Amino acid sequence: MSNHYHNPVLLYSCIENLSIKPNGIYVDLTFGGGGHSNEILKHLNENGKLFSFDQDEDAAKNVPHDNRLTFIPQNFRYLKNYLRLNGVTQVDGILGDLGVSSHQFDVAERGFSIRLDADLDMRMNQKSELTAFDILQAYSIDQLAAIFRNYGEIKNAGTLAKLIFSAKEITPIKTINEFKEVIKSCTPVFEGNRYLAKVFQAIRMEVNNEMEVLKECLTQCVEILKPGGRLVIMSYHSLEDRLVKNIMKTGNIEGIEVKDIIYGTSKKVFKILTSKPIVPTEEEIKLNSRARSAKLRVAEKI
């Protein structure tokens, strides 16, 4: 694992709450630089198994040679299918760090960073067709405004969308610097970086269809976990966190309580182990500023 690739957030809290059985079967939904996966492997004996997913081709370069680890170069929305292909229907624990890796931010040509100029890309899976450029070029004012409002919680989403739409009608917006210049007039002077980070986050979430993917994955997690198995999910956005809370509270992403037909009581799928989310310490945030918005929630399958 390369520490330069990604510093795993809340590493020891994640591992501790996964409550690893040495001979258990575990899933890391987002391999990235391998920080969480490598730590899980330290707790497994020769009979333990770990399945790690990552759709980013760059992540494959970090995979260690270990017979207990099966790396699956796919989006975690295909969790159930690829586990079945490997002869697995149920697991003892699932860990998911939903954040973007430091590597993706720090490599300019990936187009994730507000600091580095590059083509507007933002694809986590570099084989995907849809890029940030495509979205900005093809979407209507209303579609753009909805993305910025819902995924970025941008207060002036309408104004922002109109600026982009007017500019692209004259000439295509191809690079990050061109995009920043286009939206300069509605970017707050004193909170420019924070604003741009939210704008880029919104576009990235749309490019990678992140909310739908997460919904599919969490729904599959309910089915795949064994009784007593742990679900350990770290989110960085209020919409993600809401889905995680819903699945842990009710067993479905909508957060709708399911009643027992005979007794009329709520049917619990999970025992929630974190009444409030675990968050990084100030010390960890100093070491890794991207940890600031992380929220870790843990539940155990009943």
C-alpha atoms as a PDB file:
ATOM      1  CA  MET A   1       0.000   0.000   0.000  1.00  0.00           C
ATOM      2  CA  SER A   2       1.202   3.505  -0.802  1.00  0.00           C
ATOM      3  CA  ASN A   3       0.536   6.067   1.945  1.00  0.00           C
ATOM      4  CA  HIS A   4       0.775   8.703  -0.758  1.00  0.00           C
ATOM      5  CA  TYR A   5      -2.238   7.176  -2.483  1.00  0.00           C
ATOM      6  CA  HIS A   6      -4.668   7.620   0.394  1.00  0.00           C
ATOM      7  CA  ASN A   7      -4.562   8.044   4.176  1.00  0.00           C
ATOM      8  CA  PRO A   8      -7.474   5.952   5.468  1.00  0.00           C
ATOM      9  CA  VAL A   9      -9.854   7.941   7.659  1.00  0.00           C
ATOM     10  CA  LEU A  10     -10.789   6.605  11.138  1.00  0.00           C
ATOM     11  CA  LEU A  11      -8.778   3.463  10.358  1.00  0.00           C
ATOM     12  CA  TYR A  12      -8.701   1.945  13.838  1.00  0.00           C
ATOM     13  CA  SER A  13     -12.304   2.873  14.626  1.00  0.00           C
ATOM     14  CA  CYS A  14     -13.360   1.078  11.437  1.00  0.00           C
ATOM     15  CA  ILE A  15     -11.363  -2.059  12.268  1.00  0.00           C
ATOM     16  CA  GLU A  16     -12.405  -2.145  15.909  1.00  0.00           C
ATOM     17  CA  ASN A  17     -16.091  -1.843  15.030  1.00  0.00           C
ATOM     18  CA  LEU A  18     -15.847  -4.481  12.314  1.00  0.00           C
ATOM     19  CA  SER A  19     -15.154  -6.924  15.201  1.00  0.00           C
ATOM     20  CA  ILE A  20     -13.168  -9.254  12.938  1.00  0.00           C
ATOM     21  CA  LYS A  21     -13.318 -13.016  13.409  1.00  0.00           C
ATOM     22  CA  PRO A  22      -9.954 -14.526  12.397  1.00  0.00           C
ATOM     23  CA  ASN A  23     -11.610 -17.104  10.114  1.00  0.00           C
ATOM     24  CA  GLY A  24     -14.414 -14.814   8.884  1.00  0.00           C
ATOM     25  CA  ILE A  25     -15.343 -13.509   5.444  1.00  0.00           C
ATOM     26  CA  TYR A  26     -15.195  -9.733   4.983  1.00  0.00           C
ATOM     27  CA  VAL A  27     -15.789  -7.132   2.289  1.00  0.00           C
ATOM     28  CA  ASP A  28     -14.042  -3.798   1.732  1.00  0.00           C
ATOM     29  CA  LEU A  29     -16.319  -1.889  -0.644  1.00  0.00           C
ATOM     30  CA  THR A  30     -13.665   0.706  -1.549  1.00  0.00           C
ATOM     31  CA  PHE A  31     -10.114  -0.663  -1.698  1.00  0.00           C
ATOM     32  CA  GLY A  32      -8.413   2.591  -2.775  1.00  0.00           C
ATOM     33  CA  GLY A  33      -4.865   2.583  -1.439  1.00  0.00           C
ATOM     34  CA  GLY A  34      -5.524  -0.590   0.527  1.00  0.00           C
ATOM     35  CA  GLY A  35      -5.298   0.978   3.987  1.00  0.00           C
ATOM     36  CA  HIS A  36      -8.439  -0.595   5.418  1.00  0.00           C
ATOM     37  CA  SER A  37      -7.981  -3.898   3.540  1.00  0.00           C
ATOM     38  CA  ASN A  38      -4.408  -4.347   4.762  1.00  0.00           C
ATOM     39  CA  GLU A  39      -5.504  -3.730   8.336  1.00  0.00           C
ATOM     40  CA  ILE A  40      -8.341  -6.284   7.995  1.00  0.00           C
ATOM     41  CA  LEU A  41      -5.843  -8.853   6.681  1.00  0.00           C
ATOM     42  CA  LYS A  42      -3.745  -8.420   9.854  1.00  0.00           C
ATOM     43  CA  HIS A  43      -6.708  -9.725  11.862  1.00  0.00           C
ATOM     44  CA  LEU A  44      -7.472 -12.760   9.673  1.00  0.00           C
ATOM     45  CA  ASN A  45      -5.922 -16.208   9.996  1.00  0.00           C
ATOM     46  CA  GLU A  46      -5.085 -18.443   7.022  1.00  0.00           C
ATOM     47  CA  ASN A  47      -8.760 -19.452   6.695  1.00  0.00           C
ATOM     48  CA  GLY A  48     -10.114 -15.899   6.680  1.00  0.00           C
ATOM     49  CA  LYS A  49     -11.172 -14.235   3.435  1.00  0.00           C
ATOM     50  CA  LEU A  50     -11.380 -10.652   2.246  1.00  0.00           C
ATOM     51  CA  PHE A  51     -13.075  -9.421  -0.928  1.00  0.00           C
ATOM     52  CA  SER A  52     -12.131  -5.872  -1.906  1.00  0.00           C
ATOM     53  CA  PHE A  53     -13.928  -3.854  -4.586  1.00  0.00           C
ATOM     54  CA  ASP A  54     -12.699  -0.819  -6.531  1.00  0.00           C
ATOM     55  CA  GLN A  55     -13.717   0.381  -9.974  1.00  0.00           C
ATOM     56  CA  ASP A  56     -10.694   2.685 -10.290  1.00  0.00           C
ATOM     57  CA  GLU A  57      -7.947   1.070 -12.372  1.00  0.00           C
ATOM     58  CA  ASP A  58      -5.291   2.927 -10.366  1.00  0.00           C
ATOM     59  CA  ALA A  59      -6.367   1.132  -7.174  1.00  0.00           C
ATOM     60  CA  ALA A  60      -5.369  -2.254  -8.642  1.00  0.00           C
ATOM     61  CA  LYS A  61      -1.711  -1.176  -8.471  1.00  0.00           C
ATOM     62  CA  ASN A  62      -1.918  -1.213  -4.660  1.00  0.00           C
ATOM     63  CA  VAL A  63      -3.198  -4.798  -4.262  1.00  0.00           C
ATOM     64  CA  PRO A  64      -0.841  -6.928  -2.139  1.00  0.00           C
ATOM     65  CA  HIS A  65      -0.013 -10.540  -2.969  1.00  0.00           C
ATOM     66  CA  ASP A  66      -2.082 -12.370  -0.379  1.00  0.00           C
ATOM     67  CA  ASN A  67      -4.041 -15.570  -0.948  1.00  0.00           C
ATOM     68  CA  ARG A  68      -6.710 -14.451   1.515  1.00  0.00           C
ATOM     69  CA  LEU A  69      -7.513 -11.364  -0.565  1.00  0.00           C
ATOM     70  CA  THR A  70      -9.621 -11.355  -3.725  1.00  0.00           C
ATOM     71  CA  PHE A  71      -9.567  -8.004  -5.507  1.00  0.00           C
ATOM     72  CA  ILE A  72     -12.657  -7.315  -7.629  1.00  0.00           C
ATOM     73  CA  PRO A  73     -12.132  -4.428 -10.103  1.00  0.00           C
ATOM     74  CA  GLN A  74     -15.794  -3.448 -10.177  1.00  0.00           C
ATOM     75  CA  ASN A  75     -18.246  -0.907  -8.801  1.00  0.00           C
ATOM     76  CA  PHE A  76     -19.653  -2.028  -5.447  1.00  0.00           C
ATOM     77  CA  ARG A  77     -23.176  -1.842  -6.885  1.00  0.00           C
ATOM     78  CA  TYR A  78     -22.386  -5.364  -8.195  1.00  0.00           C
ATOM     79  CA  LEU A  79     -21.520  -6.613  -4.705  1.00  0.00           C
ATOM     80  CA  LYS A  80     -23.857  -9.605  -4.573  1.00  0.00           C
ATOM     81  CA  ASN A  81     -23.156 -10.838  -8.109  1.00  0.00           C
ATOM     82  CA  TYR A  82     -19.389 -10.838  -7.780  1.00  0.00           C
ATOM     83  CA  LEU A  83     -19.443 -12.465  -4.350  1.00  0.00           C
ATOM     84  CA  ARG A  84     -21.611 -15.232  -5.798  1.00  0.00           C
ATOM     85  CA  LEU A  85     -19.172 -15.670  -8.684  1.00  0.00           C
ATOM     86  CA  ASN A  86     -16.593 -16.356  -5.981  1.00  0.00           C
ATOM     87  CA  GLY A  87     -18.849 -18.859  -4.226  1.00  0.00           C
ATOM     88  CA  VAL A  88     -19.896 -16.533  -1.389  1.00  0.00           C
ATOM     89  CA  THR A  89     -23.502 -15.729  -0.441  1.00  0.00           C
ATOM     90  CA  GLN A  90     -23.044 -14.373   3.093  1.00  0.00           C
ATOM     91  CA  VAL A  91     -20.284 -12.526   4.925  1.00  0.00           C
ATOM     92  CA  ASP A  92     -19.321 -11.603   8.489  1.00  0.00           C
ATOM     93  CA  GLY A  93     -18.715  -7.923   7.896  1.00  0.00           C
ATOM     94  CA  ILE A  94     -18.817  -5.124   5.331  1.00  0.00           C
ATOM     95  CA  LEU A  95     -16.710  -1.961   5.473  1.00  0.00           C
ATOM     96  CA  GLY A  96     -17.344   1.005   3.207  1.00  0.00           C
ATOM     97  CA  ASP A  97     -15.427   4.301   3.059  1.00  0.00           C
ATOM     98  CA  LEU A  98     -17.510   6.398   0.666  1.00  0.00           C
ATOM     99  CA  GLY A  99     -14.955   9.175   0.276  1.00  0.00           C
ATOM    100  CA  VAL A 100     -12.881  10.035  -2.778  1.00  0.00           C
ATOM    101  CA  SER A 101      -9.261   8.888  -2.370  1.00  0.00           C
ATOM    102  CA  SER A 102      -6.442  11.391  -1.960  1.00  0.00           C
ATOM    103  CA  HIS A 103      -4.885   9.950  -5.113  1.00  0.00           C
ATOM    104  CA  GLN A 104      -7.925  10.901  -7.184  1.00  0.00           C
ATOM    105  CA  PHE A 105      -7.704  14.463  -5.903  1.00  0.00           C
ATOM    106  CA  ASP A 106      -3.950  14.749  -6.304  1.00  0.00           C
ATOM    107  CA  VAL A 107      -3.576  13.439  -9.866  1.00  0.00           C
ATOM    108  CA  ALA A 108      -4.427  16.453 -12.023  1.00  0.00           C
ATOM    109  CA  GLU A 109      -5.687  14.636 -15.099  1.00  0.00           C
ATOM    110  CA  ARG A 110      -8.432  12.896 -13.105  1.00  0.00           C
ATOM    111  CA  GLY A 111     -10.187  16.281 -12.898  1.00  0.00           C
ATOM    112  CA  PHE A 112     -11.388  15.996  -9.278  1.00  0.00           C
ATOM    113  CA  SER A 113      -9.400  18.822  -7.730  1.00  0.00           C
ATOM    114  CA  ILE A 114     -10.208  22.524  -7.614  1.00  0.00           C
ATOM    115  CA  ARG A 115      -6.454  23.214  -7.198  1.00  0.00           C
ATOM    116  CA  LEU A 116      -5.138  21.625 -10.392  1.00  0.00           C
ATOM    117  CA  ASP A 117      -6.036  22.432 -13.977  1.00  0.00           C
ATOM    118  CA  ALA A 118      -7.086  19.575 -16.236  1.00  0.00           C
ATOM    119  CA  ASP A 119      -9.929  18.475 -18.474  1.00  0.00           C
ATOM    120  CA  LEU A 120     -13.304  18.272 -16.715  1.00  0.00           C
ATOM    121  CA  ASP A 121     -13.427  14.519 -16.080  1.00  0.00           C
ATOM    122  CA  MET A 122     -14.228  13.272 -12.522  1.00  0.00           C
ATOM    123  CA  ARG A 123     -14.876   9.637 -13.517  1.00  0.00           C
ATOM    124  CA  MET A 124     -14.047   7.130 -10.791  1.00  0.00           C
ATOM    125  CA  ASN A 125     -14.221   4.404 -13.416  1.00  0.00           C
ATOM    126  CA  GLN A 126     -12.094   5.673 -16.267  1.00  0.00           C
ATOM    127  CA  LYS A 127     -13.868   3.332 -18.678  1.00  0.00           C
ATOM    128  CA  SER A 128     -17.196   5.100 -18.106  1.00  0.00           C
ATOM    129  CA  GLU A 129     -18.378   7.327 -20.926  1.00  0.00           C
ATOM    130  CA  LEU A 130     -20.001  10.189 -19.005  1.00  0.00           C
ATOM    131  CA  THR A 131     -17.586  12.934 -17.871  1.00  0.00           C
ATOM    132  CA  ALA A 132     -18.028  16.235 -16.045  1.00  0.00           C
ATOM    133  CA  PHE A 133     -17.612  17.995 -19.406  1.00  0.00           C
ATOM    134  CA  ASP A 134     -20.522  15.984 -20.860  1.00  0.00           C
ATOM    135  CA  ILE A 135     -22.805  16.966 -17.986  1.00  0.00           C
ATOM    136  CA  LEU A 136     -21.996  20.660 -18.138  1.00  0.00           C
ATOM    137  CA  GLN A 137     -22.380  20.612 -21.907  1.00  0.00           C
ATOM    138  CA  ALA A 138     -25.620  18.628 -22.174  1.00  0.00           C
ATOM    139  CA  TYR A 139     -27.717  19.433 -19.096  1.00  0.00           C
ATOM    140  CA  SER A 140     -30.431  22.095 -19.015  1.00  0.00           C
ATOM    141  CA  ILE A 141     -30.491  24.981 -16.536  1.00  0.00           C
ATOM    142  CA  ASP A 142     -33.037  23.140 -14.386  1.00  0.00           C
ATOM    143  CA  GLN A 143     -31.013  19.920 -14.417  1.00  0.00           C
ATOM    144  CA  LEU A 144     -27.820  21.740 -13.453  1.00  0.00           C
ATOM    145  CA  ALA A 145     -29.580  23.700 -10.708  1.00  0.00           C
ATOM    146  CA  ALA A 146     -31.035  20.489  -9.257  1.00  0.00           C
ATOM    147  CA  ILE A 147     -27.596  18.861  -9.103  1.00  0.00           C
ATOM    148  CA  PHE A 148     -26.022  21.839  -7.337  1.00  0.00           C
ATOM    149  CA  ARG A 149     -28.961  22.207  -4.951  1.00  0.00           C
ATOM    150  CA  ASN A 150     -29.317  18.518  -4.055  1.00  0.00           C
ATOM    151  CA  TYR A 151     -25.736  17.252  -4.129  1.00  0.00           C
ATOM    152  CA  GLY A 152     -23.809  20.407  -3.249  1.00  0.00           C
ATOM    153  CA  GLU A 153     -26.385  22.215  -1.089  1.00  0.00           C
ATOM    154  CA  ILE A 154     -25.504  25.361  -3.049  1.00  0.00           C
ATOM    155  CA  LYS A 155     -27.697  28.319  -2.037  1.00  0.00           C
ATOM    156  CA  ASN A 156     -27.369  30.177  -5.356  1.00  0.00           C
ATOM    157  CA  ALA A 157     -27.791  27.014  -7.459  1.00  0.00           C
ATOM    158  CA  GLY A 158     -30.111  28.728  -9.939  1.00  0.00           C
ATOM    159  CA  THR A 159     -27.739  31.612 -10.603  1.00  0.00           C
ATOM    160  CA  LEU A 160     -24.827  29.202 -10.931  1.00  0.00           C
ATOM    161  CA  ALA A 161     -26.718  27.039 -13.429  1.00  0.00           C
ATOM    162  CA  LYS A 162     -27.677  30.061 -15.554  1.00  0.00           C
ATOM    163  CA  LEU A 163     -24.058  31.272 -15.681  1.00  0.00           C
ATOM    164  CA  ILE A 164     -22.833  27.876 -16.858  1.00  0.00           C
ATOM    165  CA  PHE A 165     -25.616  27.502 -19.405  1.00  0.00           C
ATOM    166  CA  SER A 166     -25.017  30.971 -20.879  1.00  0.00           C
ATOM    167  CA  ALA A 167     -21.255  30.395 -21.128  1.00  0.00           C
ATOM    168  CA  LYS A 168     -21.452  26.981 -22.770  1.00  0.00           C
ATOM    169  CA  GLU A 169     -23.865  28.321 -25.393  1.00  0.00           C
ATOM    170  CA  ILE A 170     -21.014  30.561 -26.590  1.00  0.00           C
ATOM    171  CA  THR A 171     -18.126  28.100 -26.244  1.00  0.00           C
ATOM    172  CA  PRO A 172     -17.703  24.645 -24.595  1.00  0.00           C
ATOM    173  CA  ILE A 173     -16.260  24.671 -21.052  1.00  0.00           C
ATOM    174  CA  LYS A 174     -13.480  22.096 -21.306  1.00  0.00           C
ATOM    175  CA  THR A 175     -11.100  22.600 -18.374  1.00  0.00           C
ATOM    176  CA  ILE A 176     -11.241  23.207 -14.642  1.00  0.00           C
ATOM    177  CA  ASN A 177      -9.711  26.667 -14.922  1.00  0.00           C
ATOM    178  CA  GLU A 178     -12.164  27.627 -17.663  1.00  0.00           C
ATOM    179  CA  PHE A 179     -15.018  26.427 -15.465  1.00  0.00           C
ATOM    180  CA  LYS A 180     -13.775  28.363 -12.419  1.00  0.00           C
ATOM    181  CA  GLU A 181     -13.510  31.491 -14.557  1.00  0.00           C
ATOM    182  CA  VAL A 182     -17.079  31.047 -15.836  1.00  0.00           C
ATOM    183  CA  ILE A 183     -18.535  30.837 -12.316  1.00  0.00           C
ATOM    184  CA  LYS A 184     -16.228  33.444 -10.766  1.00  0.00           C
ATOM    185  CA  SER A 185     -18.936  36.085 -10.428  1.00  0.00           C
ATOM    186  CA  CYS A 186     -21.097  33.884  -8.167  1.00  0.00           C
ATOM    187  CA  THR A 187     -18.225  32.397  -6.151  1.00  0.00           C
ATOM    188  CA  PRO A 188     -17.992  33.992  -2.668  1.00  0.00           C
ATOM    189  CA  VAL A 189     -14.776  35.958  -2.213  1.00  0.00           C
ATOM    190  CA  PHE A 190     -13.942  34.797   1.307  1.00  0.00           C
ATOM    191  CA  GLU A 191     -15.220  31.207   1.048  1.00  0.00           C
ATOM    192  CA  GLY A 192     -14.225  30.514  -2.533  1.00  0.00           C
ATOM    193  CA  ASN A 193     -12.524  27.156  -1.959  1.00  0.00           C
ATOM    194  CA  ARG A 194     -15.369  25.839   0.195  1.00  0.00           C
ATOM    195  CA  TYR A 195     -17.902  26.891  -2.414  1.00  0.00           C
ATOM    196  CA  LEU A 196     -15.920  25.364  -5.285  1.00  0.00           C
ATOM    197  CA  ALA A 197     -15.473  22.137  -3.314  1.00  0.00           C
ATOM    198  CA  LYS A 198     -19.271  21.845  -2.985  1.00  0.00           C
ATOM    199  CA  VAL A 199     -19.778  22.600  -6.691  1.00  0.00           C
ATOM    200  CA  PHE A 200     -17.207  19.975  -7.709  1.00  0.00           C
ATOM    201  CA  GLN A 201     -18.690  17.471  -5.266  1.00  0.00           C
ATOM    202  CA  ALA A 202     -22.121  17.912  -6.842  1.00  0.00           C
ATOM    203  CA  ILE A 203     -20.803  17.359 -10.370  1.00  0.00           C
ATOM    204  CA  ARG A 204     -18.732  14.348  -9.264  1.00  0.00           C
ATOM    205  CA  MET A 205     -21.740  12.724  -7.604  1.00  0.00           C
ATOM    206  CA  GLU A 206     -23.738  13.107 -10.811  1.00  0.00           C
ATOM    207  CA  VAL A 207     -20.917  11.848 -13.060  1.00  0.00           C
ATOM    208  CA  ASN A 208     -20.562   8.683 -10.997  1.00  0.00           C
ATOM    209  CA  ASN A 209     -24.276   8.239 -10.190  1.00  0.00           C
ATOM    210  CA  GLU A 210     -23.164   7.940  -6.582  1.00  0.00           C
ATOM    211  CA  MET A 211     -26.526   8.079  -4.817  1.00  0.00           C
ATOM    212  CA  GLU A 212     -28.172   5.364  -6.931  1.00  0.00           C
ATOM    213  CA  VAL A 213     -25.076   3.174  -6.650  1.00  0.00           C
ATOM    214  CA  LEU A 214     -25.084   3.542  -2.856  1.00  0.00           C
ATOM    215  CA  LYS A 215     -28.789   2.694  -2.654  1.00  0.00           C
ATOM    216  CA  GLU A 216     -28.232  -0.513  -4.623  1.00  0.00           C
ATOM    217  CA  CYS A 217     -25.214  -1.476  -2.528  1.00  0.00           C
ATOM    218  CA  LEU A 218     -26.786  -0.860   0.887  1.00  0.00           C
ATOM    219  CA  THR A 219     -29.865  -2.865  -0.083  1.00  0.00           C
ATOM    220  CA  GLN A 220     -27.623  -5.797  -1.015  1.00  0.00           C
ATOM    221  CA  CYS A 221     -25.671  -5.467   2.253  1.00  0.00           C
ATOM    222  CA  VAL A 222     -28.826  -6.312   4.217  1.00  0.00           C
ATOM    223  CA  GLU A 223     -29.177  -9.608   2.365  1.00  0.00           C
ATOM    224  CA  ILE A 224     -25.498 -10.557   2.315  1.00  0.00           C
ATOM    225  CA  LEU A 225     -24.648 -10.020   5.990  1.00  0.00           C
ATOM    226  CA  LYS A 226     -24.906 -13.032   8.297  1.00  0.00           C
ATOM    227  CA  PRO A 227     -26.769 -12.650  11.604  1.00  0.00           C
ATOM    228  CA  GLY A 228     -24.247 -11.026  13.940  1.00  0.00           C
ATOM    229  CA  GLY A 229     -22.387  -9.537  10.973  1.00  0.00           C
ATOM    230  CA  ARG A 230     -21.279  -5.908  11.138  1.00  0.00           C
ATOM    231  CA  LEU A 231     -22.035  -3.098   8.690  1.00  0.00           C
ATOM    232  CA  VAL A 232     -19.451  -0.308   9.054  1.00  0.00           C
ATOM    233  CA  ILE A 233     -20.017   2.651   6.722  1.00  0.00           C
ATOM    234  CA  MET A 234     -18.239   5.995   6.589  1.00  0.00           C
ATOM    235  CA  SER A 235     -19.979   8.793   4.681  1.00  0.00           C
ATOM    236  CA  TYR A 236     -19.002  12.374   3.864  1.00  0.00           C
ATOM    237  CA  HIS A 237     -22.262  13.928   2.661  1.00  0.00           C
ATOM    238  CA  SER A 238     -25.630  14.429   4.346  1.00  0.00           C
ATOM    239  CA  LEU A 239     -27.514  12.532   1.611  1.00  0.00           C
ATOM    240  CA  GLU A 240     -25.195   9.524   1.931  1.00  0.00           C
ATOM    241  CA  ASP A 241     -25.430   9.631   5.715  1.00  0.00           C
ATOM    242  CA  ARG A 242     -29.236   9.676   5.554  1.00  0.00           C
ATOM    243  CA  LEU A 243     -29.288   6.516   3.441  1.00  0.00           C
ATOM    244  CA  VAL A 244     -26.889   4.792   5.846  1.00  0.00           C
ATOM    245  CA  LYS A 245     -29.032   5.823   8.843  1.00  0.00           C
ATOM    246  CA  ASN A 246     -32.172   4.591   7.093  1.00  0.00           C
ATOM    247  CA  ILE A 247     -30.762   1.182   6.218  1.00  0.00           C
ATOM    248  CA  MET A 248     -29.486   0.656   9.759  1.00  0.00           C
ATOM    249  CA  LYS A 249     -32.715   1.848  11.399  1.00  0.00           C
ATOM    250  CA  THR A 250     -35.285   0.104   9.203  1.00  0.00           C
ATOM    251  CA  GLY A 251     -33.436  -2.257   6.861  1.00  0.00           C
ATOM    252  CA  ASN A 252     -34.422  -0.229   3.781  1.00  0.00           C
ATOM    253  CA  ILE A 253     -33.068   2.921   2.139  1.00  0.00           C
ATOM    254  CA  GLU A 254     -36.405   4.745   2.377  1.00  0.00           C
ATOM    255  CA  GLY A 255     -36.365   4.566   6.167  1.00  0.00           C
ATOM    256  CA  ILE A 256     -39.856   3.034   6.262  1.00  0.00           C
ATOM    257  CA  GLU A 257     -40.542   0.949   9.355  1.00  0.00           C
ATOM    258  CA  VAL A 258     -41.719  -2.556   8.516  1.00  0.00           C
ATOM    259  CA  LYS A 259     -44.300  -3.971  10.946  1.00  0.00           C
ATOM    260  CA  ASP A 260     -44.683  -7.594  11.935  1.00  0.00           C
ATOM    261  CA  ILE A 261     -47.995  -8.760  10.404  1.00  0.00           C
ATOM    262  CA  ILE A 262     -49.051 -10.787  13.453  1.00  0.00           C
ATOM    263  CA  TYR A 263     -47.787  -8.737  16.397  1.00  0.00           C
ATOM    264  CA  GLY A 264     -47.768  -5.259  14.831  1.00  0.00           C
ATOM    265  CA  THR A 265     -44.325  -4.492  16.237  1.00  0.00           C
ATOM    266  CA  SER A 266     -41.463  -3.052  14.215  1.00  0.00           C
ATOM    267  CA  LYS A 267     -39.297  -5.669  12.537  1.00  0.00           C
ATOM    268  CA  LYS A 268     -35.706  -4.784  13.293  1.00  0.00           C
ATOM    269  CA  VAL A 269     -33.015  -5.866  10.843  1.00  0.00           C
ATOM    270  CA  PHE A 270     -30.069  -4.248  12.613  1.00  0.00           C
ATOM    271  CA  LYS A 271     -28.996  -3.406  16.129  1.00  0.00           C
ATOM    272  CA  ILE A 272     -27.502   0.095  15.856  1.00  0.00           C
ATOM    273  CA  LEU A 273     -24.161   0.287  17.697  1.00  0.00           C
ATOM    274  CA  THR A 274     -23.547   4.024  17.166  1.00  0.00           C
ATOM    275  CA  SER A 275     -26.373   6.193  18.525  1.00  0.00           C
ATOM    276  CA  LYS A 276     -24.329   9.117  17.225  1.00  0.00           C
ATOM    277  CA  PRO A 277     -21.808   8.806  14.407  1.00  0.00           C
ATOM    278  CA  ILE A 278     -18.119   8.437  15.201  1.00  0.00           C
ATOM    279  CA  VAL A 279     -16.222  11.462  13.877  1.00  0.00           C
ATOM    280  CA  PRO A 280     -12.495  12.188  13.497  1.00  0.00           C
ATOM    281  CA  THR A 281     -10.569  13.881  16.284  1.00  0.00           C
ATOM    282  CA  GLU A 282      -9.102  17.344  15.791  1.00  0.00           C
ATOM    283  CA  GLU A 283      -5.684  15.687  15.639  1.00  0.00           C
ATOM    284  CA  GLU A 284      -6.745  13.437  12.758  1.00  0.00           C
ATOM    285  CA  ILE A 285      -8.307  16.377  10.913  1.00  0.00           C
ATOM    286  CA  LYS A 286      -4.992  18.271  11.232  1.00  0.00           C
ATOM    287  CA  LEU A 287      -3.188  15.300   9.660  1.00  0.00           C
ATOM    288  CA  ASN A 288      -5.845  14.802   6.976  1.00  0.00           C
ATOM    289  CA  SER A 289      -8.144  17.777   6.299  1.00  0.00           C
ATOM    290  CA  ARG A 290     -10.362  15.629   4.065  1.00  0.00           C
ATOM    291  CA  ALA A 291     -11.441  13.687   7.162  1.00  0.00           C
ATOM    292  CA  ARG A 292     -13.345  16.718   8.471  1.00  0.00           C
ATOM    293  CA  SER A 293     -16.795  15.717   7.191  1.00  0.00           C
ATOM    294  CA  ALA A 294     -16.486  11.956   7.837  1.00  0.00           C
ATOM    295  CA  LYS A 295     -19.239  10.210   9.797  1.00  0.00           C
ATOM    296  CA  LEU A 296     -18.862   6.559  10.756  1.00  0.00           C
ATOM    297  CA  ARG A 297     -21.943   4.496  11.571  1.00  0.00           C
ATOM    298  CA  VAL A 298     -22.018   0.883  12.731  1.00  0.00           C
ATOM    299  CA  ALA A 299     -24.788  -1.697  12.982  1.00  0.00           C
ATOM    300  CA  GLU A 300     -25.005  -5.426  13.649  1.00  0.00           C
ATOM    301  CA  LYS A 301     -27.366  -7.710  11.723  1.00  0.00           C
ATOM    302  CA  ILE A 302     -29.953  -9.298  14.015  1.00  0.00           C
END
